[in-house]
N, C-alpha and C. Protein backbone atom coordinates (compact mmCIF):
# COMPACT_ATOMS: atom_id res chain seq x y z
N MET A 1 -28.07 -20.54 -32.24
CA MET A 1 -29.75 -20.35 -31.89
C MET A 1 -30.76 -21.61 -32.10
N HIS A 2 -31.23 -21.93 -30.78
CA HIS A 2 -31.81 -23.29 -31.06
C HIS A 2 -33.49 -22.98 -31.51
N SER A 3 -33.78 -23.94 -32.08
CA SER A 3 -35.19 -24.22 -32.88
C SER A 3 -36.05 -24.88 -32.40
N LEU A 4 -37.41 -24.90 -32.44
CA LEU A 4 -38.32 -25.71 -32.08
C LEU A 4 -39.04 -26.52 -33.36
N ASP A 5 -38.59 -26.05 -34.46
CA ASP A 5 -39.26 -26.47 -35.31
C ASP A 5 -39.44 -27.82 -35.70
N PHE A 6 -38.58 -28.87 -35.27
CA PHE A 6 -38.55 -30.39 -35.00
C PHE A 6 -39.82 -31.13 -34.36
N LEU A 7 -40.37 -30.17 -33.55
CA LEU A 7 -41.58 -30.67 -32.79
C LEU A 7 -42.97 -30.66 -33.47
N GLN A 8 -43.60 -31.86 -33.26
CA GLN A 8 -44.34 -32.34 -33.71
C GLN A 8 -45.67 -31.67 -33.08
N LYS A 9 -46.67 -31.13 -33.71
CA LYS A 9 -48.16 -30.79 -32.92
C LYS A 9 -48.88 -31.85 -33.40
N ARG A 10 -48.91 -32.68 -32.10
CA ARG A 10 -50.06 -34.00 -32.32
C ARG A 10 -50.84 -34.15 -30.70
N PRO A 11 -52.08 -34.52 -30.73
CA PRO A 11 -52.55 -35.29 -29.23
C PRO A 11 -51.67 -36.19 -28.65
N ILE A 12 -51.64 -35.81 -27.49
CA ILE A 12 -50.77 -36.96 -26.70
C ILE A 12 -51.93 -37.98 -25.87
N GLY A 13 -52.08 -38.89 -26.10
CA GLY A 13 -52.95 -40.37 -25.71
C GLY A 13 -52.12 -41.02 -24.89
N LEU A 14 -52.92 -42.01 -24.25
CA LEU A 14 -52.41 -43.03 -23.31
C LEU A 14 -51.44 -43.79 -24.10
N ARG A 15 -51.64 -44.33 -25.24
CA ARG A 15 -50.71 -45.14 -25.75
C ARG A 15 -49.51 -44.78 -26.15
N TRP A 16 -49.27 -43.06 -26.64
CA TRP A 16 -48.18 -42.13 -26.63
C TRP A 16 -47.50 -42.23 -25.47
N TRP A 17 -47.86 -42.14 -24.17
CA TRP A 17 -47.29 -42.05 -23.15
C TRP A 17 -46.74 -43.12 -22.56
N ARG A 18 -47.40 -44.43 -22.91
CA ARG A 18 -46.69 -45.57 -22.74
C ARG A 18 -45.63 -46.04 -23.56
N GLN A 19 -45.54 -45.40 -24.77
CA GLN A 19 -44.44 -45.87 -25.65
C GLN A 19 -43.14 -44.74 -25.44
N ALA A 20 -43.62 -43.54 -24.91
CA ALA A 20 -42.70 -42.70 -24.33
C ALA A 20 -42.00 -43.20 -23.06
N LEU A 21 -42.61 -43.78 -22.17
CA LEU A 21 -42.05 -44.07 -20.73
C LEU A 21 -41.23 -45.24 -21.22
N CYS A 22 -41.70 -46.37 -21.86
CA CYS A 22 -40.85 -47.35 -22.11
C CYS A 22 -39.66 -47.12 -22.71
N ARG A 23 -39.64 -46.10 -23.87
CA ARG A 23 -38.44 -45.61 -24.55
C ARG A 23 -37.71 -45.42 -23.44
N ALA A 24 -38.22 -44.35 -22.51
CA ALA A 24 -37.40 -43.89 -21.58
C ALA A 24 -36.67 -44.79 -20.61
N ALA A 25 -37.47 -45.90 -20.01
CA ALA A 25 -36.58 -46.84 -19.29
C ALA A 25 -35.49 -47.43 -20.48
N VAL A 26 -36.03 -47.89 -21.34
CA VAL A 26 -34.94 -48.76 -22.49
C VAL A 26 -33.75 -47.83 -22.60
N ILE A 27 -33.88 -46.66 -22.81
CA ILE A 27 -32.58 -45.58 -23.18
C ILE A 27 -31.88 -45.40 -21.67
N ALA A 28 -32.69 -45.26 -20.59
CA ALA A 28 -32.06 -45.25 -19.29
C ALA A 28 -31.13 -46.76 -18.97
N LEU A 29 -31.73 -47.73 -19.29
CA LEU A 29 -30.82 -48.91 -19.08
C LEU A 29 -29.64 -48.87 -20.04
N CYS A 30 -29.87 -48.28 -21.32
CA CYS A 30 -28.50 -48.42 -22.22
C CYS A 30 -27.85 -47.49 -21.88
N ALA A 31 -27.99 -46.53 -21.20
CA ALA A 31 -26.78 -45.37 -20.48
C ALA A 31 -26.09 -45.74 -19.38
N LEU A 32 -27.01 -46.93 -18.57
CA LEU A 32 -26.23 -47.70 -17.52
C LEU A 32 -25.45 -48.29 -17.97
N THR A 33 -25.56 -49.20 -18.98
CA THR A 33 -24.78 -50.37 -19.61
C THR A 33 -23.86 -50.21 -20.59
N ALA A 34 -24.27 -49.53 -21.42
CA ALA A 34 -23.41 -49.00 -22.50
C ALA A 34 -22.06 -48.43 -22.35
N PRO A 35 -21.16 -48.55 -23.01
CA PRO A 35 -19.63 -47.89 -22.83
C PRO A 35 -19.81 -46.47 -22.92
N LEU A 36 -19.20 -45.46 -22.15
CA LEU A 36 -19.44 -44.05 -22.27
C LEU A 36 -18.13 -43.61 -22.59
N SER A 37 -17.54 -44.24 -23.83
CA SER A 37 -16.33 -43.61 -24.17
C SER A 37 -16.30 -42.19 -24.74
N PHE A 38 -17.99 -41.79 -25.12
CA PHE A 38 -18.49 -40.47 -25.90
C PHE A 38 -18.17 -39.40 -24.44
N ALA A 39 -18.52 -40.03 -23.56
CA ALA A 39 -18.66 -38.97 -22.18
C ALA A 39 -17.49 -38.81 -21.39
N ALA A 40 -16.43 -39.03 -22.09
CA ALA A 40 -14.70 -39.00 -21.24
C ALA A 40 -14.27 -38.31 -22.65
N ASP A 41 -14.63 -37.29 -23.15
CA ASP A 41 -13.58 -36.47 -23.98
C ASP A 41 -12.07 -36.04 -23.17
N ALA A 42 -11.22 -36.36 -23.48
CA ALA A 42 -9.69 -36.17 -22.85
C ALA A 42 -8.73 -36.12 -23.64
N THR A 43 -7.79 -34.96 -23.42
CA THR A 43 -6.58 -35.27 -24.34
C THR A 43 -5.51 -36.42 -23.39
N ALA A 44 -5.04 -37.47 -23.71
CA ALA A 44 -4.33 -38.33 -22.81
C ALA A 44 -2.86 -38.01 -22.69
N PRO A 45 -2.22 -38.41 -21.71
CA PRO A 45 -1.07 -37.77 -21.56
C PRO A 45 -0.27 -38.60 -22.46
N ASP A 46 0.90 -38.00 -23.03
CA ASP A 46 2.07 -38.31 -24.08
C ASP A 46 2.32 -39.79 -23.55
N GLY A 47 2.07 -40.56 -24.81
CA GLY A 47 2.44 -41.94 -25.00
C GLY A 47 1.45 -42.97 -24.05
N ALA A 48 0.37 -42.46 -23.41
CA ALA A 48 -0.80 -42.91 -22.87
C ALA A 48 -1.78 -43.51 -23.58
N SER A 49 -2.29 -45.11 -23.65
CA SER A 49 -2.94 -45.26 -24.45
C SER A 49 -4.61 -44.91 -24.21
N GLU A 50 -5.69 -45.00 -25.25
CA GLU A 50 -6.76 -44.33 -25.01
C GLU A 50 -7.39 -44.99 -23.69
N GLY A 51 -8.61 -44.37 -23.45
CA GLY A 51 -9.48 -45.03 -22.11
C GLY A 51 -8.45 -44.77 -20.56
N VAL A 52 -7.52 -43.63 -20.69
CA VAL A 52 -7.44 -43.24 -18.96
C VAL A 52 -8.39 -42.87 -18.10
N VAL A 53 -9.49 -42.33 -18.90
CA VAL A 53 -10.41 -41.92 -17.81
C VAL A 53 -11.58 -42.83 -17.63
N ARG A 54 -11.91 -43.15 -16.70
CA ARG A 54 -13.17 -44.24 -16.49
C ARG A 54 -14.28 -43.80 -15.93
N VAL A 55 -15.36 -43.89 -16.48
CA VAL A 55 -16.75 -43.45 -16.15
C VAL A 55 -17.60 -44.33 -15.60
N LYS A 56 -18.16 -44.20 -14.55
CA LYS A 56 -19.12 -44.80 -13.89
C LYS A 56 -20.53 -44.03 -13.79
N LEU A 57 -21.43 -44.70 -14.29
CA LEU A 57 -22.64 -43.99 -14.49
C LEU A 57 -24.00 -44.72 -13.43
N THR A 58 -24.78 -43.91 -12.54
CA THR A 58 -25.59 -44.86 -11.84
C THR A 58 -26.84 -43.98 -11.88
N GLN A 59 -28.11 -44.45 -11.16
CA GLN A 59 -29.63 -43.98 -11.29
C GLN A 59 -30.06 -44.51 -10.01
N ALA A 60 -30.76 -43.08 -9.66
CA ALA A 60 -31.64 -43.61 -8.69
C ALA A 60 -32.51 -42.92 -8.24
N ARG A 61 -33.86 -43.37 -7.74
CA ARG A 61 -35.20 -42.54 -7.69
C ARG A 61 -34.81 -41.63 -6.37
N VAL A 62 -35.16 -40.50 -6.51
CA VAL A 62 -35.37 -39.35 -5.17
C VAL A 62 -36.68 -39.67 -4.53
N VAL A 63 -36.53 -40.08 -3.30
CA VAL A 63 -37.88 -39.75 -2.44
C VAL A 63 -37.57 -38.89 -1.38
N VAL A 64 -38.86 -38.51 -0.81
CA VAL A 64 -38.95 -37.46 0.54
C VAL A 64 -39.59 -38.51 1.71
N GLU A 65 -38.77 -38.80 2.71
CA GLU A 65 -39.15 -39.62 3.78
C GLU A 65 -39.08 -38.65 5.17
N ALA A 66 -39.94 -38.33 6.03
CA ALA A 66 -39.65 -37.42 7.19
C ALA A 66 -39.07 -36.33 6.58
N GLY A 67 -39.40 -35.64 5.69
CA GLY A 67 -38.82 -34.13 5.14
C GLY A 67 -37.62 -34.32 4.71
N LYS A 68 -36.86 -35.37 4.37
CA LYS A 68 -35.63 -35.28 3.97
C LYS A 68 -35.41 -36.44 2.93
N GLU A 69 -34.72 -35.73 1.48
CA GLU A 69 -34.59 -36.57 0.32
C GLU A 69 -33.53 -37.75 0.71
N LYS A 70 -34.13 -38.65 -0.03
CA LYS A 70 -33.25 -39.82 -0.28
C LYS A 70 -33.22 -40.80 -1.24
N LEU A 71 -32.10 -41.54 -1.64
CA LEU A 71 -31.84 -42.04 -3.20
C LEU A 71 -32.30 -43.46 -2.92
N VAL A 72 -32.80 -44.13 -3.75
CA VAL A 72 -33.28 -45.49 -3.45
C VAL A 72 -33.23 -45.99 -5.08
N GLU A 73 -33.07 -47.35 -5.06
CA GLU A 73 -32.94 -47.95 -6.07
C GLU A 73 -34.12 -47.70 -7.19
N ALA A 74 -33.70 -47.59 -8.45
CA ALA A 74 -34.96 -46.94 -9.49
C ALA A 74 -35.52 -48.41 -10.02
N GLU A 75 -36.14 -49.38 -9.37
CA GLU A 75 -37.01 -50.49 -10.18
C GLU A 75 -37.85 -50.21 -10.98
N VAL A 76 -38.47 -49.20 -10.41
CA VAL A 76 -40.03 -48.89 -11.02
C VAL A 76 -40.04 -47.46 -11.25
N LEU A 77 -40.44 -46.67 -12.74
CA LEU A 77 -41.05 -45.42 -12.59
C LEU A 77 -41.99 -45.18 -12.97
N LYS A 78 -42.70 -44.13 -12.25
CA LYS A 78 -44.07 -43.96 -12.74
C LYS A 78 -44.32 -42.28 -12.70
N PRO A 79 -45.26 -42.07 -13.28
CA PRO A 79 -45.40 -40.48 -13.61
C PRO A 79 -45.13 -39.72 -12.66
N GLY A 80 -44.16 -38.52 -12.86
CA GLY A 80 -44.02 -37.85 -11.43
C GLY A 80 -42.31 -38.25 -10.78
N ASP A 81 -42.09 -39.32 -11.01
CA ASP A 81 -40.89 -39.91 -10.23
C ASP A 81 -39.73 -38.91 -10.73
N VAL A 82 -39.05 -38.60 -10.12
CA VAL A 82 -37.40 -37.81 -10.13
C VAL A 82 -36.42 -38.96 -9.99
N ILE A 83 -35.69 -38.87 -11.07
CA ILE A 83 -34.28 -39.80 -11.03
C ILE A 83 -33.16 -38.92 -11.13
N GLU A 84 -32.15 -39.34 -10.28
CA GLU A 84 -31.10 -38.66 -10.15
C GLU A 84 -29.92 -39.44 -11.07
N TYR A 85 -29.21 -38.85 -12.03
CA TYR A 85 -28.03 -39.53 -12.63
C TYR A 85 -26.87 -38.94 -12.12
N ARG A 86 -26.07 -39.94 -11.80
CA ARG A 86 -24.56 -39.70 -11.62
C ARG A 86 -23.42 -40.36 -12.08
N ALA A 87 -22.64 -39.30 -12.95
CA ALA A 87 -21.54 -39.70 -13.43
C ALA A 87 -20.09 -39.47 -12.71
N VAL A 88 -19.28 -40.69 -12.35
CA VAL A 88 -17.84 -40.34 -11.61
C VAL A 88 -17.00 -40.52 -12.65
N TYR A 89 -16.30 -39.41 -12.90
CA TYR A 89 -14.98 -39.66 -13.82
C TYR A 89 -13.63 -39.85 -13.24
N THR A 90 -12.81 -40.79 -13.59
CA THR A 90 -11.71 -41.07 -12.79
C THR A 90 -10.67 -41.16 -13.69
N ASN A 91 -9.22 -40.66 -13.35
CA ASN A 91 -7.91 -40.12 -14.51
C ASN A 91 -7.33 -41.61 -13.67
N THR A 92 -7.11 -42.82 -14.56
CA THR A 92 -6.63 -44.11 -13.98
C THR A 92 -5.19 -44.08 -14.39
N SER A 93 -4.67 -42.91 -15.20
CA SER A 93 -3.21 -42.95 -15.44
C SER A 93 -2.42 -42.48 -14.42
N LYS A 94 -1.29 -42.24 -14.69
CA LYS A 94 -0.31 -41.91 -13.80
C LYS A 94 -0.15 -40.45 -13.94
N GLU A 95 -0.40 -40.00 -14.84
CA GLU A 95 -0.26 -38.43 -15.09
C GLU A 95 -1.62 -37.66 -15.37
N THR A 96 -1.36 -36.43 -15.78
CA THR A 96 -2.69 -35.44 -15.92
C THR A 96 -3.50 -35.66 -17.15
N VAL A 97 -4.76 -35.87 -17.21
CA VAL A 97 -5.24 -35.53 -18.49
C VAL A 97 -5.70 -34.16 -18.93
N ARG A 98 -5.84 -34.00 -19.98
CA ARG A 98 -5.88 -32.35 -20.06
C ARG A 98 -7.40 -32.61 -21.15
N ASP A 99 -7.83 -31.28 -20.86
CA ASP A 99 -9.36 -30.99 -21.75
C ASP A 99 -10.30 -31.99 -21.68
N LEU A 100 -10.59 -32.30 -20.48
CA LEU A 100 -11.56 -33.18 -20.06
C LEU A 100 -13.17 -32.54 -20.26
N MET A 101 -13.72 -33.26 -20.97
CA MET A 101 -15.47 -32.72 -20.96
C MET A 101 -16.06 -33.72 -20.32
N ALA A 102 -16.86 -33.60 -19.49
CA ALA A 102 -17.58 -34.49 -18.80
C ALA A 102 -19.21 -34.61 -19.43
N THR A 103 -19.57 -35.46 -19.66
CA THR A 103 -20.76 -35.35 -20.34
C THR A 103 -21.83 -36.05 -19.74
N LEU A 104 -23.21 -35.94 -19.49
CA LEU A 104 -24.09 -36.55 -18.78
C LEU A 104 -25.55 -36.36 -19.73
N PRO A 105 -25.85 -37.74 -20.29
CA PRO A 105 -27.07 -37.67 -21.24
C PRO A 105 -28.53 -37.44 -20.29
N VAL A 106 -29.55 -37.16 -20.83
CA VAL A 106 -30.99 -36.96 -20.40
C VAL A 106 -31.73 -37.81 -21.15
N PRO A 107 -31.83 -38.75 -20.78
CA PRO A 107 -32.76 -39.90 -21.55
C PRO A 107 -33.66 -39.23 -22.28
N GLU A 108 -34.26 -39.54 -23.30
CA GLU A 108 -35.08 -39.13 -24.17
C GLU A 108 -36.47 -39.78 -23.53
N GLY A 109 -37.53 -39.03 -23.52
CA GLY A 109 -39.07 -39.18 -22.83
C GLY A 109 -38.86 -38.68 -21.39
N LEU A 110 -37.99 -38.17 -20.97
CA LEU A 110 -37.68 -37.47 -19.46
C LEU A 110 -37.64 -36.27 -19.70
N GLU A 111 -37.82 -35.32 -18.51
CA GLU A 111 -38.01 -33.95 -18.72
C GLU A 111 -36.76 -33.64 -17.37
N TYR A 112 -35.81 -32.63 -17.99
CA TYR A 112 -34.72 -32.04 -17.03
C TYR A 112 -35.26 -31.36 -15.82
N VAL A 113 -34.55 -31.45 -14.62
CA VAL A 113 -35.23 -30.87 -13.64
C VAL A 113 -34.58 -29.38 -13.87
N ALA A 114 -35.00 -28.47 -13.77
CA ALA A 114 -34.31 -27.13 -13.86
C ALA A 114 -33.24 -26.98 -12.70
N ARG A 115 -31.92 -26.65 -13.05
CA ARG A 115 -31.06 -25.95 -12.19
C ARG A 115 -30.72 -27.19 -11.15
N SER A 116 -30.91 -28.35 -11.65
CA SER A 116 -30.55 -29.47 -10.93
C SER A 116 -28.89 -30.30 -10.92
N ALA A 117 -28.45 -29.50 -12.25
CA ALA A 117 -26.86 -30.41 -12.40
C ALA A 117 -26.01 -29.66 -11.22
N ARG A 118 -25.04 -30.35 -10.86
CA ARG A 118 -24.18 -30.35 -9.75
C ARG A 118 -22.74 -31.14 -10.22
N ALA A 119 -21.90 -30.16 -9.53
CA ALA A 119 -20.51 -30.81 -10.08
C ALA A 119 -19.53 -30.70 -8.80
N SER A 120 -18.57 -31.67 -8.74
CA SER A 120 -17.43 -31.55 -7.83
C SER A 120 -17.01 -29.95 -7.46
N ASP A 121 -16.19 -29.29 -6.40
CA ASP A 121 -15.93 -28.20 -6.28
C ASP A 121 -14.74 -27.87 -7.37
N GLY A 122 -14.62 -26.64 -7.89
CA GLY A 122 -13.99 -26.11 -9.03
C GLY A 122 -14.19 -26.77 -10.21
N VAL A 123 -15.14 -27.37 -10.77
CA VAL A 123 -15.87 -27.55 -11.80
C VAL A 123 -16.49 -26.38 -12.52
N PRO A 124 -16.30 -25.82 -13.82
CA PRO A 124 -17.13 -24.86 -14.48
C PRO A 124 -18.61 -25.15 -14.47
N ALA A 125 -19.29 -24.15 -14.77
CA ALA A 125 -20.75 -24.31 -14.55
C ALA A 125 -21.28 -25.29 -15.81
N VAL A 126 -22.39 -25.65 -15.59
CA VAL A 126 -23.06 -26.88 -16.71
C VAL A 126 -23.51 -25.78 -18.15
N GLN A 127 -23.35 -26.55 -18.76
CA GLN A 127 -23.82 -26.08 -20.16
C GLN A 127 -24.78 -27.18 -20.74
N ALA A 128 -26.00 -26.62 -21.15
CA ALA A 128 -26.88 -27.67 -21.66
C ALA A 128 -26.96 -27.81 -23.19
N ALA A 129 -27.77 -28.90 -23.82
CA ALA A 129 -27.82 -28.60 -25.24
C ALA A 129 -29.16 -29.95 -25.46
N THR A 130 -29.79 -29.43 -26.43
CA THR A 130 -31.00 -30.25 -26.96
C THR A 130 -30.51 -30.99 -27.90
N ARG A 131 -31.41 -31.93 -28.79
CA ARG A 131 -31.01 -32.98 -29.68
C ARG A 131 -29.96 -32.09 -30.94
N ASP A 132 -30.27 -30.82 -30.95
CA ASP A 132 -29.60 -30.15 -31.91
C ASP A 132 -27.82 -30.08 -31.68
N GLY A 133 -27.34 -30.57 -30.40
CA GLY A 133 -26.03 -30.51 -30.07
C GLY A 133 -25.32 -29.31 -29.73
N LYS A 134 -25.90 -28.12 -30.02
CA LYS A 134 -25.59 -26.55 -29.56
C LYS A 134 -25.89 -26.52 -27.93
N TYR A 135 -24.46 -26.35 -27.37
CA TYR A 135 -24.48 -26.24 -26.12
C TYR A 135 -24.32 -24.61 -25.36
N GLY A 136 -25.27 -24.30 -24.25
CA GLY A 136 -25.11 -23.08 -24.19
C GLY A 136 -25.96 -23.28 -22.45
N ALA A 137 -25.38 -21.80 -21.91
CA ALA A 137 -25.59 -21.75 -20.38
C ALA A 137 -27.01 -22.03 -20.13
N GLU A 138 -27.55 -22.55 -18.83
CA GLU A 138 -29.01 -22.62 -18.70
C GLU A 138 -29.34 -21.50 -18.16
N PRO A 139 -30.77 -21.38 -18.35
CA PRO A 139 -31.73 -21.84 -18.85
C PRO A 139 -31.34 -21.70 -20.76
N LEU A 140 -31.60 -22.69 -21.61
CA LEU A 140 -31.54 -22.66 -22.69
C LEU A 140 -32.62 -21.52 -23.65
N MET A 141 -32.45 -20.55 -24.47
CA MET A 141 -33.40 -19.77 -24.93
C MET A 141 -33.39 -20.00 -26.33
N VAL A 142 -34.35 -19.55 -26.81
CA VAL A 142 -34.84 -19.72 -28.56
C VAL A 142 -35.68 -18.55 -28.86
N THR A 143 -35.22 -18.22 -29.67
CA THR A 143 -36.19 -17.12 -30.59
C THR A 143 -37.65 -17.54 -31.02
N GLU A 144 -38.51 -16.81 -30.69
CA GLU A 144 -40.11 -16.75 -31.26
C GLU A 144 -40.26 -15.59 -31.77
N GLY A 145 -40.31 -15.59 -32.97
CA GLY A 145 -41.02 -14.00 -33.25
C GLY A 145 -39.98 -13.07 -32.80
N ALA A 146 -40.43 -12.29 -32.24
CA ALA A 146 -39.31 -10.77 -31.88
C ALA A 146 -38.75 -11.27 -30.42
N LYS A 147 -39.06 -12.37 -29.77
CA LYS A 147 -38.54 -12.38 -28.55
C LYS A 147 -37.87 -13.78 -28.21
N LYS A 148 -36.97 -13.84 -27.29
CA LYS A 148 -36.63 -15.05 -26.80
C LYS A 148 -37.28 -15.56 -25.41
N VAL A 149 -37.33 -17.01 -25.53
CA VAL A 149 -38.16 -17.57 -24.65
C VAL A 149 -37.51 -18.99 -24.06
N PRO A 150 -37.71 -19.40 -22.85
CA PRO A 150 -36.77 -20.69 -22.43
C PRO A 150 -37.18 -21.72 -23.46
N VAL A 151 -36.33 -22.86 -23.65
CA VAL A 151 -36.69 -23.96 -24.08
C VAL A 151 -37.30 -24.86 -22.95
N PRO A 152 -38.39 -25.47 -23.64
CA PRO A 152 -38.88 -26.61 -22.77
C PRO A 152 -37.83 -27.67 -22.15
N LEU A 153 -38.05 -27.75 -20.89
CA LEU A 153 -37.17 -28.59 -20.38
C LEU A 153 -37.38 -30.37 -20.85
N GLY A 154 -38.31 -30.32 -21.09
CA GLY A 154 -38.39 -31.76 -21.99
C GLY A 154 -37.66 -31.85 -22.96
N LEU A 155 -37.20 -30.72 -23.61
CA LEU A 155 -36.32 -31.11 -24.76
C LEU A 155 -34.62 -30.98 -24.36
N TYR A 156 -34.38 -30.92 -23.23
CA TYR A 156 -33.08 -30.86 -22.90
C TYR A 156 -32.72 -32.45 -22.97
N ARG A 157 -31.11 -32.64 -23.89
CA ARG A 157 -30.61 -34.19 -24.08
C ARG A 157 -29.29 -34.38 -23.60
N ALA A 158 -29.03 -33.21 -22.97
CA ALA A 158 -27.76 -33.60 -22.66
C ALA A 158 -26.96 -32.22 -21.85
N LEU A 159 -25.98 -32.57 -20.76
CA LEU A 159 -25.63 -31.74 -20.23
C LEU A 159 -23.74 -32.13 -20.13
N ARG A 160 -23.11 -31.01 -19.93
CA ARG A 160 -21.68 -30.88 -20.09
C ARG A 160 -20.96 -30.01 -19.00
N TRP A 161 -19.68 -30.42 -18.79
CA TRP A 161 -18.89 -29.81 -18.11
C TRP A 161 -17.56 -29.55 -18.51
N GLN A 162 -16.90 -28.41 -18.52
CA GLN A 162 -15.42 -28.37 -19.05
C GLN A 162 -14.63 -28.14 -17.83
N VAL A 163 -14.21 -29.66 -17.59
CA VAL A 163 -13.23 -29.91 -16.49
C VAL A 163 -12.15 -29.22 -16.76
N GLY A 164 -11.50 -29.60 -17.83
CA GLY A 164 -9.99 -29.21 -18.16
C GLY A 164 -9.03 -30.16 -17.78
N ALA A 165 -7.90 -29.97 -16.88
CA ALA A 165 -7.08 -30.57 -16.46
C ALA A 165 -7.68 -31.57 -15.49
N MET A 166 -7.03 -32.78 -15.37
CA MET A 166 -7.50 -33.71 -13.96
C MET A 166 -6.20 -34.39 -13.80
N ALA A 167 -5.63 -34.16 -12.19
CA ALA A 167 -4.68 -34.77 -11.98
C ALA A 167 -4.56 -36.39 -12.00
N ALA A 168 -3.30 -37.32 -11.98
CA ALA A 168 -3.47 -38.65 -11.91
C ALA A 168 -4.34 -39.17 -10.56
N GLY A 169 -5.39 -40.07 -10.64
CA GLY A 169 -5.87 -40.41 -9.58
C GLY A 169 -7.06 -39.70 -9.18
N ARG A 170 -7.35 -38.55 -9.60
CA ARG A 170 -8.35 -37.79 -9.16
C ARG A 170 -9.78 -38.01 -9.67
N SER A 171 -10.84 -37.87 -9.04
CA SER A 171 -11.86 -37.96 -9.75
C SER A 171 -12.92 -36.85 -9.76
N VAL A 172 -14.01 -36.97 -10.50
CA VAL A 172 -14.83 -35.59 -10.50
C VAL A 172 -16.35 -36.01 -10.81
N THR A 173 -17.29 -35.74 -10.00
CA THR A 173 -18.51 -36.01 -10.00
C THR A 173 -19.67 -35.17 -10.52
N VAL A 174 -20.25 -35.66 -11.31
CA VAL A 174 -21.56 -34.45 -11.91
C VAL A 174 -22.82 -35.54 -12.01
N SER A 175 -23.68 -34.52 -11.66
CA SER A 175 -25.07 -35.00 -11.41
C SER A 175 -26.16 -34.11 -11.97
N ALA A 176 -27.30 -34.69 -12.44
CA ALA A 176 -28.41 -34.02 -12.69
C ALA A 176 -29.74 -34.81 -12.35
N ARG A 177 -30.93 -34.47 -12.50
CA ARG A 177 -32.03 -34.99 -12.19
C ARG A 177 -33.09 -34.64 -13.29
N ALA A 178 -33.94 -35.80 -13.56
CA ALA A 178 -34.67 -35.98 -14.86
C ALA A 178 -35.79 -36.52 -14.36
N ARG A 179 -37.15 -35.72 -14.45
CA ARG A 179 -38.82 -36.28 -13.99
C ARG A 179 -39.28 -37.11 -15.45
N VAL A 180 -40.01 -37.86 -14.82
CA VAL A 180 -40.96 -38.74 -15.64
C VAL A 180 -42.27 -37.71 -15.50
N PRO A 181 -42.55 -37.68 -17.18
CA PRO A 181 -43.68 -36.73 -17.36
C PRO A 181 -44.87 -37.12 -16.60
N VAL A 182 -45.86 -36.25 -16.05
CA VAL A 182 -47.29 -36.67 -15.63
C VAL A 182 -48.30 -36.49 -17.09
N PRO A 183 -48.78 -37.29 -17.54
CA PRO A 183 -49.86 -36.94 -18.60
C PRO A 183 -50.75 -36.22 -18.14
N SER A 184 -51.21 -35.43 -18.96
CA SER A 184 -52.54 -34.57 -18.77
C SER A 184 -53.50 -35.44 -18.46
N PRO A 185 -54.94 -35.00 -17.83
CA PRO A 185 -56.02 -35.59 -17.52
C PRO A 185 -56.51 -36.24 -18.82
N ALA A 186 -56.58 -35.48 -20.19
CA ALA A 186 -57.06 -35.92 -21.37
C ALA A 186 -56.59 -37.15 -21.77
N GLY A 187 -55.24 -37.25 -21.70
CA GLY A 187 -54.57 -38.58 -21.95
C GLY A 187 -54.61 -39.86 -21.17
N GLY A 188 -55.15 -39.79 -20.20
CA GLY A 188 -55.52 -40.78 -19.01
C GLY A 188 -54.09 -40.92 -18.08
N SER A 189 -54.11 -41.74 -17.33
CA SER A 189 -53.18 -41.84 -16.59
C SER A 189 -51.95 -42.94 -17.18
N ALA A 190 -50.57 -42.76 -17.17
CA ALA A 190 -49.57 -43.71 -17.61
C ALA A 190 -49.55 -44.90 -16.67
N PRO A 191 -48.93 -45.71 -17.19
CA PRO A 191 -48.73 -47.33 -16.12
C PRO A 191 -47.40 -47.02 -15.54
N ALA A 192 -47.02 -47.65 -14.63
CA ALA A 192 -45.77 -47.77 -13.96
C ALA A 192 -45.13 -48.36 -15.02
N VAL A 193 -43.32 -47.85 -15.03
CA VAL A 193 -42.25 -48.70 -15.86
C VAL A 193 -41.63 -49.46 -14.76
N ALA A 194 -41.52 -50.59 -15.53
CA ALA A 194 -40.22 -51.27 -14.63
C ALA A 194 -38.88 -50.99 -15.27
N THR A 195 -37.98 -50.86 -14.75
CA THR A 195 -36.55 -50.44 -15.37
C THR A 195 -35.95 -51.48 -15.34
N PRO A 196 -35.39 -52.15 -16.24
CA PRO A 196 -34.87 -53.46 -16.87
C PRO A 196 -33.54 -53.65 -15.81
N ARG A 197 -33.31 -54.82 -15.33
CA ARG A 197 -31.81 -55.10 -14.65
C ARG A 197 -30.78 -55.27 -15.63
C-alpha cells in the first residue's frame, strides 16, 4: 500500500520552485551521465561477465509545430515543458540474457505524464513506483480513510518493465514523459532552468 505520509504540508513560494527546478535539472543530468547498471538487472548467460546489457539514456523536449509533435534538444527547461526520457537496452553478448528488468527513473521535481510510458512490441505493461519502491500498475492508488484515490503524478519516481529473456544482439526501447510543474499564481513565476551539458 502506498502512503502519502512523507508529504510535508507547506506553502510553495518562488524560492521553493527555483530550488525544485534546479534539483530536477541536476538530477536529469546525473541520470544522463551516470552509469545505469541499476537499470539493467538481468541474469547473464553462463560464463559471461557482468555488463552484457548496455543502456543508453537520452532526454528531449517535446514541442508541437504545425500540429505535430517533435523532439528537440532539452537545453533550457521552463514551467510547463514536457521532457521525453528514452532508454535503449541492448544485449551485447552472444547469448540470451534472462530476467531483464528495464527501469526508467522519473527525476525528482518533475511530474510524470499519465499513460505516457511506452515500450517495444512484446514487452509487458509498465509498472510504476513512488519513493517507497513498491511497484504497481498505473495508476498507483493509495488508501485515504475508507476509499482509494490516485497517487499524485508528481510522486512517481520510477517506471519498470519486466522484459524477461532478450536474445543476443536484440534491443528493447522504453520511454516516458515528465512535465516541469507550473507554479501556482500565488508563488510567482519560476525562471527557466538551463540543463547542463
